[in-house]
PDB file of N, CA and C in Angstrom:
ATOM      1  N   UNK A   1     -14.194 -64.683  32.911  1.00  0.00           N
ATOM      2  CA  UNK A   1     -12.551 -63.886  32.302  1.00  0.00           C
ATOM      3  C   UNK A   1     -13.152 -62.452  32.730  1.00  0.00           C
ATOM      4  N   UNK A   2     -12.603 -61.310  33.332  1.00  0.00           N
ATOM      5  CA  UNK A   2     -12.028 -60.099  33.776  1.00  0.00           C
ATOM      6  C   UNK A   2     -11.784 -59.695  32.812  1.00  0.00           C
ATOM      7  N   UNK A   3     -12.329 -58.988  32.394  1.00  0.00           N
ATOM      8  CA  UNK A   3     -11.125 -57.499  31.130  1.00  0.00           C
ATOM      9  C   UNK A   3     -10.944 -56.284  31.775  1.00  0.00           C
ATOM     10  N   UNK A   4      -9.786 -55.659  31.846  1.00  0.00           N
ATOM     11  CA  UNK A   4      -9.725 -54.172  32.259  1.00  0.00           C
ATOM     12  C   UNK A   4      -9.375 -52.970  31.288  1.00  0.00           C
ATOM     13  N   UNK A   5      -9.889 -52.537  31.211  1.00  0.00           N
ATOM     14  CA  UNK A   5     -10.135 -51.252  30.668  1.00  0.00           C
ATOM     15  C   UNK A   5      -9.762 -49.857  31.298  1.00  0.00           C
ATOM     16  N   UNK A   6      -8.307 -49.307  31.255  1.00  0.00           N
ATOM     17  CA  UNK A   6      -7.998 -48.782  31.690  1.00  0.00           C
ATOM     18  C   UNK A   6      -8.313 -46.570  30.916  1.00  0.00           C
ATOM     19  N   UNK A   7      -9.425 -45.967  31.381  1.00  0.00           N
ATOM     20  CA  UNK A   7      -9.108 -44.977  30.700  1.00  0.00           C
ATOM     21  C   UNK A   7      -8.468 -43.845  30.593  1.00  0.00           C
ATOM     22  N   UNK A   8      -7.720 -44.107  31.671  1.00  0.00           N
ATOM     23  CA  UNK A   8      -5.661 -43.174  31.577  1.00  0.00           C
ATOM     24  C   UNK A   8      -5.200 -43.291  30.403  1.00  0.00           C
ATOM     25  N   UNK A   9      -5.052 -44.588  29.714  1.00  0.00           N
ATOM     26  CA  UNK A   9      -4.383 -45.125  28.928  1.00  0.00           C
ATOM     27  C   UNK A   9      -5.276 -44.162  27.614  1.00  0.00           C
ATOM     28  N   UNK A  10      -6.492 -44.200  26.983  1.00  0.00           N
ATOM     29  CA  UNK A  10      -7.088 -44.099  26.089  1.00  0.00           C
ATOM     30  C   UNK A  10      -7.199 -42.610  25.774  1.00  0.00           C
ATOM     31  N   UNK A  11      -6.307 -42.236  24.951  1.00  0.00           N
ATOM     32  CA  UNK A  11      -6.546 -40.862  24.961  1.00  0.00           C
ATOM     33  C   UNK A  11      -7.372 -40.538  23.322  1.00  0.00           C
ATOM     34  N   UNK A  12      -7.279 -41.713  21.889  1.00  0.00           N
ATOM     35  CA  UNK A  12      -8.024 -42.164  20.850  1.00  0.00           C
ATOM     36  C   UNK A  12      -8.422 -43.135  21.050  1.00  0.00           C
ATOM     37  N   UNK A  13      -9.738 -43.716  20.030  1.00  0.00           N
ATOM     38  CA  UNK A  13     -10.559 -45.175  19.707  1.00  0.00           C
ATOM     39  C   UNK A  13      -9.654 -45.983  19.124  1.00  0.00           C
ATOM     40  N   UNK A  14      -8.691 -45.843  18.733  1.00  0.00           N
ATOM     41  CA  UNK A  14      -7.450 -46.486  18.510  1.00  0.00           C
ATOM     42  C   UNK A  14      -6.873 -47.119  19.516  1.00  0.00           C
ATOM     43  N   UNK A  15      -6.612 -46.475  20.564  1.00  0.00           N
ATOM     44  CA  UNK A  15      -5.814 -46.628  21.767  1.00  0.00           C
ATOM     45  C   UNK A  15      -7.193 -47.824  22.692  1.00  0.00           C
ATOM     46  N   UNK A  16      -8.748 -47.308  22.397  1.00  0.00           N
ATOM     47  CA  UNK A  16      -9.426 -49.179  22.933  1.00  0.00           C
ATOM     48  C   UNK A  16      -8.993 -50.025  22.428  1.00  0.00           C
ATOM     49  N   UNK A  17      -9.041 -49.538  21.054  1.00  0.00           N
ATOM     50  CA  UNK A  17      -9.059 -51.337  20.071  1.00  0.00           C
ATOM     51  C   UNK A  17      -7.719 -51.946  20.685  1.00  0.00           C
ATOM     52  N   UNK A  18      -7.086 -50.747  20.012  1.00  0.00           N
ATOM     53  CA  UNK A  18      -5.868 -51.597  20.707  1.00  0.00           C
ATOM     54  C   UNK A  18      -5.643 -52.497  21.760  1.00  0.00           C
ATOM     55  N   UNK A  19      -5.978 -51.776  23.277  1.00  0.00           N
ATOM     56  CA  UNK A  19      -6.355 -52.893  24.068  1.00  0.00           C
ATOM     57  C   UNK A  19      -7.424 -53.749  24.036  1.00  0.00           C
ATOM     58  N   UNK A  20      -8.276 -53.448  23.299  1.00  0.00           N
ATOM     59  CA  UNK A  20      -9.232 -54.586  22.962  1.00  0.00           C
ATOM     60  C   UNK A  20      -8.345 -56.007  22.602  1.00  0.00           C
ATOM     61  N   UNK A  21      -7.596 -55.581  21.862  1.00  0.00           N
ATOM     62  CA  UNK A  21      -6.946 -56.675  20.935  1.00  0.00           C
ATOM     63  C   UNK A  21      -5.786 -57.127  21.428  1.00  0.00           C
ATOM     64  N   UNK A  22      -5.253 -56.007  22.683  1.00  0.00           N
ATOM     65  CA  UNK A  22      -4.359 -56.683  23.894  1.00  0.00           C
ATOM     66  C   UNK A  22      -4.531 -57.902  24.987  1.00  0.00           C
ATOM     67  N   UNK A  23      -6.222 -57.385  24.834  1.00  0.00           N
ATOM     68  CA  UNK A  23      -6.274 -58.140  26.078  1.00  0.00           C
ATOM     69  C   UNK A  23      -7.112 -59.441  25.871  1.00  0.00           C
ATOM     70  N   UNK A  24      -7.550 -59.615  24.716  1.00  0.00           N
ATOM     71  CA  UNK A  24      -8.488 -60.347  24.230  1.00  0.00           C
ATOM     72  C   UNK A  24      -7.695 -61.151  22.829  1.00  0.00           C
ATOM     73  N   UNK A  25      -7.536 -62.422  22.371  1.00  0.00           N
ATOM     74  CA  UNK A  25      -7.046 -63.323  21.076  1.00  0.00           C
ATOM     75  C   UNK A  25      -8.157 -62.816  20.124  1.00  0.00           C
ATOM     76  N   UNK A  26      -7.995 -61.904  19.816  1.00  0.00           N
ATOM     77  CA  UNK A  26      -9.038 -61.977  18.633  1.00  0.00           C
ATOM     78  C   UNK A  26      -8.553 -61.786  17.058  1.00  0.00           C
ATOM     79  N   UNK A  27      -9.235 -62.443  16.456  1.00  0.00           N
ATOM     80  CA  UNK A  27      -8.460 -62.615  15.062  1.00  0.00           C
ATOM     81  C   UNK A  27      -8.133 -61.280  14.480  1.00  0.00           C
ATOM     82  N   UNK A  28      -6.719 -61.385  13.250  1.00  0.00           N
ATOM     83  CA  UNK A  28      -6.524 -60.641  12.529  1.00  0.00           C
ATOM     84  C   UNK A  28      -7.456 -59.630  12.040  1.00  0.00           C
ATOM     85  N   UNK A  29      -8.459 -60.358  12.009  1.00  0.00           N
ATOM     86  CA  UNK A  29      -9.011 -59.832  10.842  1.00  0.00           C
ATOM     87  C   UNK A  29      -9.911 -58.727  11.327  1.00  0.00           C
ATOM     88  N   UNK A  30     -10.509 -58.191  12.549  1.00  0.00           N
ATOM     89  CA  UNK A  30     -11.267 -58.251  13.800  1.00  0.00           C
ATOM     90  C   UNK A  30     -11.105 -56.371  12.821  1.00  0.00           C
ATOM     91  N   UNK A  31     -12.275 -55.724  13.018  1.00  0.00           N
ATOM     92  CA  UNK A  31     -13.049 -54.558  12.503  1.00  0.00           C
ATOM     93  C   UNK A  31     -12.575 -53.468  13.459  1.00  0.00           C
ATOM     94  N   UNK A  32     -12.111 -52.279  13.670  1.00  0.00           N
ATOM     95  CA  UNK A  32     -12.074 -51.417  14.682  1.00  0.00           C
ATOM     96  C   UNK A  32     -13.324 -50.686  14.772  1.00  0.00           C
ATOM     97  N   UNK A  33     -14.557 -51.340  14.976  1.00  0.00           N
ATOM     98  CA  UNK A  33     -16.083 -50.471  15.819  1.00  0.00           C
ATOM     99  C   UNK A  33     -16.519 -51.712  16.175  1.00  0.00           C
ATOM    100  N   UNK A  34     -17.545 -51.045  16.924  1.00  0.00           N
ATOM    101  CA  UNK A  34     -18.059 -51.578  18.210  1.00  0.00           C
ATOM    102  C   UNK A  34     -19.046 -52.812  17.223  1.00  0.00           C
ATOM    103  N   UNK A  35     -19.584 -52.749  16.487  1.00  0.00           N
ATOM    104  CA  UNK A  35     -20.492 -54.391  15.514  1.00  0.00           C
ATOM    105  C   UNK A  35     -19.522 -55.504  15.548  1.00  0.00           C
ATOM    106  N   UNK A  36     -18.037 -55.035  15.290  1.00  0.00           N
ATOM    107  CA  UNK A  36     -17.266 -56.328  15.424  1.00  0.00           C
ATOM    108  C   UNK A  36     -16.691 -56.640  17.212  1.00  0.00           C
ATOM    109  N   UNK A  37     -17.298 -55.350  17.762  1.00  0.00           N
ATOM    110  CA  UNK A  37     -16.469 -56.231  19.019  1.00  0.00           C
ATOM    111  C   UNK A  37     -17.323 -56.819  19.499  1.00  0.00           C
ATOM    112  N   UNK A  38     -19.466 -56.846  19.211  1.00  0.00           N
ATOM    113  CA  UNK A  38     -20.607 -57.300  19.544  1.00  0.00           C
ATOM    114  C   UNK A  38     -19.435 -58.642  18.996  1.00  0.00           C
ATOM    115  N   UNK A  39     -20.100 -58.405  17.880  1.00  0.00           N
ATOM    116  CA  UNK A  39     -19.821 -59.986  17.406  1.00  0.00           C
ATOM    117  C   UNK A  39     -18.320 -60.726  17.689  1.00  0.00           C
ATOM    118  N   UNK A  40     -17.684 -60.647  18.157  1.00  0.00           N
ATOM    119  CA  UNK A  40     -16.724 -61.247  18.753  1.00  0.00           C
ATOM    120  C   UNK A  40     -17.104 -61.519  20.335  1.00  0.00           C
ATOM    121  N   UNK A  41     -17.629 -60.332  20.892  1.00  0.00           N
ATOM    122  CA  UNK A  41     -17.812 -61.092  22.305  1.00  0.00           C
ATOM    123  C   UNK A  41     -18.969 -61.867  22.462  1.00  0.00           C
ATOM    124  N   UNK A  42     -20.299 -61.727  21.662  1.00  0.00           N
ATOM    125  CA  UNK A  42     -21.115 -62.979  21.600  1.00  0.00           C
ATOM    126  C   UNK A  42     -20.978 -64.394  20.911  1.00  0.00           C
ATOM    127  N   UNK A  43     -19.559 -64.208  20.465  1.00  0.00           N
ATOM    128  CA  UNK A  43     -18.786 -66.234  20.803  1.00  0.00           C
ATOM    129  C   UNK A  43     -17.781 -66.344  21.132  1.00  0.00           C
ATOM    130  N   UNK A  44     -17.363 -65.627  22.354  1.00  0.00           N
ATOM    131  CA  UNK A  44     -17.020 -65.671  23.411  1.00  0.00           C
ATOM    132  C   UNK A  44     -17.446 -66.165  24.843  1.00  0.00           C
ATOM    133  N   UNK A  45     -17.763 -67.633  25.240  1.00  0.00           N
ATOM    134  CA  UNK A  45     -18.474 -67.577  26.305  1.00  0.00           C
ATOM    135  C   UNK A  45     -18.233 -67.525  27.123  1.00  0.00           C
ATOM    136  N   UNK A  46     -16.761 -67.417  27.666  1.00  0.00           N
ATOM    137  CA  UNK A  46     -15.640 -67.289  28.562  1.00  0.00           C
ATOM    138  C   UNK A  46     -15.803 -65.776  29.168  1.00  0.00           C
ATOM    139  N   UNK A  47     -15.951 -64.406  28.562  1.00  0.00           N
ATOM    140  CA  UNK A  47     -16.054 -63.250  29.058  1.00  0.00           C
ATOM    141  C   UNK A  47     -17.375 -63.105  29.561  1.00  0.00           C
ATOM    142  N   UNK A  48     -16.645 -62.977  31.132  1.00  0.00           N
ATOM    143  CA  UNK A  48     -18.219 -62.465  31.765  1.00  0.00           C
ATOM    144  C   UNK A  48     -18.411 -61.034  32.404  1.00  0.00           C
ATOM    145  N   UNK A  49     -16.905 -59.913  32.648  1.00  0.00           N
ATOM    146  CA  UNK A  49     -17.097 -59.131  32.885  1.00  0.00           C
ATOM    147  C   UNK A  49     -15.752 -58.181  32.899  1.00  0.00           C
ATOM    148  N   UNK A  50     -16.158 -57.078  31.922  1.00  0.00           N
ATOM    149  CA  UNK A  50     -15.153 -55.578  31.445  1.00  0.00           C
ATOM    150  C   UNK A  50     -15.184 -54.844  32.980  1.00  0.00           C
ATOM    151  N   UNK A  51     -14.283 -54.327  33.487  1.00  0.00           N
ATOM    152  CA  UNK A  51     -13.691 -53.137  34.487  1.00  0.00           C
ATOM    153  C   UNK A  51     -13.182 -52.207  33.491  1.00  0.00           C
ATOM    154  N   UNK A  52     -14.449 -51.120  33.926  1.00  0.00           N
ATOM    155  CA  UNK A  52     -13.775 -49.880  33.350  1.00  0.00           C
ATOM    156  C   UNK A  52     -12.901 -48.975  34.808  1.00  0.00           C
ATOM    157  N   UNK A  53     -11.484 -48.636  34.604  1.00  0.00           N
ATOM    158  CA  UNK A  53     -10.525 -47.751  35.470  1.00  0.00           C
ATOM    159  C   UNK A  53     -10.610 -46.549  34.693  1.00  0.00           C
ATOM    160  N   UNK A  54     -11.041 -45.236  35.707  1.00  0.00           N
ATOM    161  CA  UNK A  54     -10.867 -44.022  35.099  1.00  0.00           C
ATOM    162  C   UNK A  54     -12.078 -44.080  34.004  1.00  0.00           C
ATOM    163  N   UNK A  55     -13.670 -44.493  34.227  1.00  0.00           N
ATOM    164  CA  UNK A  55     -14.137 -44.527  33.195  1.00  0.00           C
ATOM    165  C   UNK A  55     -14.403 -43.012  32.105  1.00  0.00           C
ATOM    166  N   UNK A  56     -14.309 -41.722  33.288  1.00  0.00           N
ATOM    167  CA  UNK A  56     -14.760 -40.280  33.355  1.00  0.00           C
ATOM    168  C   UNK A  56     -13.668 -39.611  32.475  1.00  0.00           C
ATOM    169  N   UNK A  57     -12.197 -40.191  32.667  1.00  0.00           N
ATOM    170  CA  UNK A  57     -11.465 -39.684  31.727  1.00  0.00           C
ATOM    171  C   UNK A  57     -11.323 -40.317  30.304  1.00  0.00           C
ATOM    172  N   UNK A  58     -11.889 -41.613  30.122  1.00  0.00           N
ATOM    173  CA  UNK A  58     -12.081 -41.743  28.795  1.00  0.00           C
ATOM    174  C   UNK A  58     -12.951 -41.348  28.067  1.00  0.00           C
ATOM    175  N   UNK A  59     -14.378 -41.014  28.889  1.00  0.00           N
ATOM    176  CA  UNK A  59     -15.170 -40.181  28.644  1.00  0.00           C
ATOM    177  C   UNK A  59     -15.014 -38.935  28.013  1.00  0.00           C
ATOM    178  N   UNK A  60     -14.557 -38.264  28.330  1.00  0.00           N
ATOM    179  CA  UNK A  60     -13.261 -36.946  28.030  1.00  0.00           C
ATOM    180  C   UNK A  60     -12.744 -37.416  26.538  1.00  0.00           C
ATOM    181  N   UNK A  61     -11.701 -38.106  26.929  1.00  0.00           N
ATOM    182  CA  UNK A  61     -11.261 -38.592  26.021  1.00  0.00           C
ATOM    183  C   UNK A  61     -11.165 -38.979  24.393  1.00  0.00           C
ATOM    184  N   UNK A  62     -12.576 -39.794  24.496  1.00  0.00           N
ATOM    185  CA  UNK A  62     -13.150 -40.983  23.765  1.00  0.00           C
ATOM    186  C   UNK A  62     -14.349 -40.115  22.884  1.00  0.00           C
ATOM    187  N   UNK A  63     -14.967 -39.869  24.024  1.00  0.00           N
ATOM    188  CA  UNK A  63     -16.244 -38.838  23.640  1.00  0.00           C
ATOM    189  C   UNK A  63     -17.382 -39.461  24.548  1.00  0.00           C
ATOM    190  N   UNK A  64     -18.570 -38.916  24.888  1.00  0.00           N
ATOM    191  CA  UNK A  64     -19.598 -39.402  25.694  1.00  0.00           C
ATOM    192  C   UNK A  64     -20.187 -40.132  24.752  1.00  0.00           C
ATOM    193  N   UNK A  65     -20.828 -40.070  23.811  1.00  0.00           N
ATOM    194  CA  UNK A  65     -21.304 -41.372  23.296  1.00  0.00           C
ATOM    195  C   UNK A  65     -20.491 -42.088  22.321  1.00  0.00           C
ATOM    196  N   UNK A  66     -19.858 -42.469  21.761  1.00  0.00           N
ATOM    197  CA  UNK A  66     -18.784 -43.770  21.819  1.00  0.00           C
ATOM    198  C   UNK A  66     -19.031 -44.678  22.768  1.00  0.00           C
ATOM    199  N   UNK A  67     -18.748 -43.766  24.436  1.00  0.00           N
ATOM    200  CA  UNK A  67     -18.261 -44.818  25.591  1.00  0.00           C
ATOM    201  C   UNK A  67     -19.841 -45.235  25.736  1.00  0.00           C
ATOM    202  N   UNK A  68     -20.804 -44.173  25.501  1.00  0.00           N
ATOM    203  CA  UNK A  68     -22.489 -44.679  26.144  1.00  0.00           C
ATOM    204  C   UNK A  68     -22.556 -46.415  25.052  1.00  0.00           C
ATOM    205  N   UNK A  69     -22.422 -45.757  23.761  1.00  0.00           N
ATOM    206  CA  UNK A  69     -22.302 -46.762  22.304  1.00  0.00           C
ATOM    207  C   UNK A  69     -21.502 -48.259  22.992  1.00  0.00           C
ATOM    208  N   UNK A  70     -20.947 -48.063  23.903  1.00  0.00           N
ATOM    209  CA  UNK A  70     -19.589 -48.706  23.822  1.00  0.00           C
ATOM    210  C   UNK A  70     -20.393 -50.023  25.270  1.00  0.00           C
ATOM    211  N   UNK A  71     -20.918 -49.396  25.798  1.00  0.00           N
ATOM    212  CA  UNK A  71     -21.763 -49.422  27.114  1.00  0.00           C
ATOM    213  C   UNK A  71     -22.711 -50.395  26.735  1.00  0.00           C
ATOM    214  N   UNK A  72     -24.108 -49.859  25.605  1.00  0.00           N
ATOM    215  CA  UNK A  72     -24.960 -50.573  25.048  1.00  0.00           C
ATOM    216  C   UNK A  72     -24.379 -51.723  24.370  1.00  0.00           C
ATOM    217  N   UNK A  73     -23.205 -51.611  23.849  1.00  0.00           N
ATOM    218  CA  UNK A  73     -22.941 -53.423  23.264  1.00  0.00           C
ATOM    219  C   UNK A  73     -22.473 -53.724  24.067  1.00  0.00           C
ATOM    220  N   UNK A  74     -21.738 -54.176  25.224  1.00  0.00           N
ATOM    221  CA  UNK A  74     -21.731 -54.940  26.449  1.00  0.00           C
ATOM    222  C   UNK A  74     -22.637 -55.717  26.795  1.00  0.00           C
ATOM    223  N   UNK A  75     -23.900 -54.543  26.861  1.00  0.00           N
ATOM    224  CA  UNK A  75     -24.761 -54.769  27.528  1.00  0.00           C
ATOM    225  C   UNK A  75     -25.584 -55.822  26.623  1.00  0.00           C
ATOM    226  N   UNK A  76     -25.606 -55.435  25.278  1.00  0.00           N
ATOM    227  CA  UNK A  76     -26.846 -56.418  24.727  1.00  0.00           C
ATOM    228  C   UNK A  76     -25.626 -57.526  24.166  1.00  0.00           C
ATOM    229  N   UNK A  77     -24.154 -57.776  24.489  1.00  0.00           N
ATOM    230  CA  UNK A  77     -23.744 -59.097  24.410  1.00  0.00           C
ATOM    231  C   UNK A  77     -23.599 -59.853  26.223  1.00  0.00           C
ATOM    232  N   UNK A  78     -24.503 -59.414  26.425  1.00  0.00           N
ATOM    233  CA  UNK A  78     -24.376 -59.681  28.372  1.00  0.00           C
ATOM    234  C   UNK A  78     -23.448 -60.387  29.060  1.00  0.00           C
ATOM    235  N   UNK A  79     -22.934 -58.870  28.580  1.00  0.00           N
ATOM    236  CA  UNK A  79     -20.808 -59.263  29.366  1.00  0.00           C
ATOM    237  C   UNK A  79     -21.706 -57.965  30.858  1.00  0.00           C
ATOM    238  N   UNK A  80     -21.387 -58.310  32.383  1.00  0.00           N
ATOM    239  CA  UNK A  80     -21.303 -57.681  33.138  1.00  0.00           C
ATOM    240  C   UNK A  80     -20.156 -56.417  33.131  1.00  0.00           C
ATOM    241  N   UNK A  81     -20.438 -54.976  33.821  1.00  0.00           N
ATOM    242  CA  UNK A  81     -19.840 -53.585  32.988  1.00  0.00           C
ATOM    243  C   UNK A  81     -19.728 -53.488  34.478  1.00  0.00           C
ATOM    244  N   UNK A  82     -18.644 -53.238  34.935  1.00  0.00           N
ATOM    245  CA  UNK A  82     -17.986 -52.826  36.280  1.00  0.00           C
ATOM    246  C   UNK A  82     -17.059 -50.827  36.106  1.00  0.00           C
ATOM    247  N   UNK A  83     -17.783 -50.033  36.693  1.00  0.00           N
ATOM    248  CA  UNK A  83     -17.033 -48.717  35.979  1.00  0.00           C
ATOM    249  C   UNK A  83     -16.174 -48.189  38.022  1.00  0.00           C
ATOM    250  N   UNK A  84     -15.266 -48.216  37.605  1.00  0.00           N
ATOM    251  CA  UNK A  84     -14.848 -47.698  38.839  1.00  0.00           C
ATOM    252  C   UNK A  84     -14.141 -46.214  38.694  1.00  0.00           C
ATOM    253  N   UNK A  85     -14.527 -45.397  39.559  1.00  0.00           N
ATOM    254  CA  UNK A  85     -13.307 -44.269  39.235  1.00  0.00           C
ATOM    255  C   UNK A  85     -12.363 -43.503  40.734  1.00  0.00           C
ATOM    256  N   UNK A  86     -11.704 -43.361  40.414  1.00  0.00           N
ATOM    257  CA  UNK A  86     -10.307 -42.763  41.430  1.00  0.00           C
ATOM    258  C   UNK A  86     -10.006 -41.247  41.095  1.00  0.00           C
TER     259      UNK A  86
END
């Protein structure tokens, strides 16, 4: 499974987590935090890749620290990450 996250649509962290909820079939109790995302991803063997579009825009909107932590979570969960800029 490939998940695409478009940085142009990410104005705040809530937008990011809403996108995750729409892209994935997360349970109702999913917490809007990176620990919950890691837990969910490591339980889903069919998620193979996350592709970011407009990653620099996402960094400027959500903060560089958050985006670096997000990439670390994906790496730790063995998710292939692709970053594309336009």
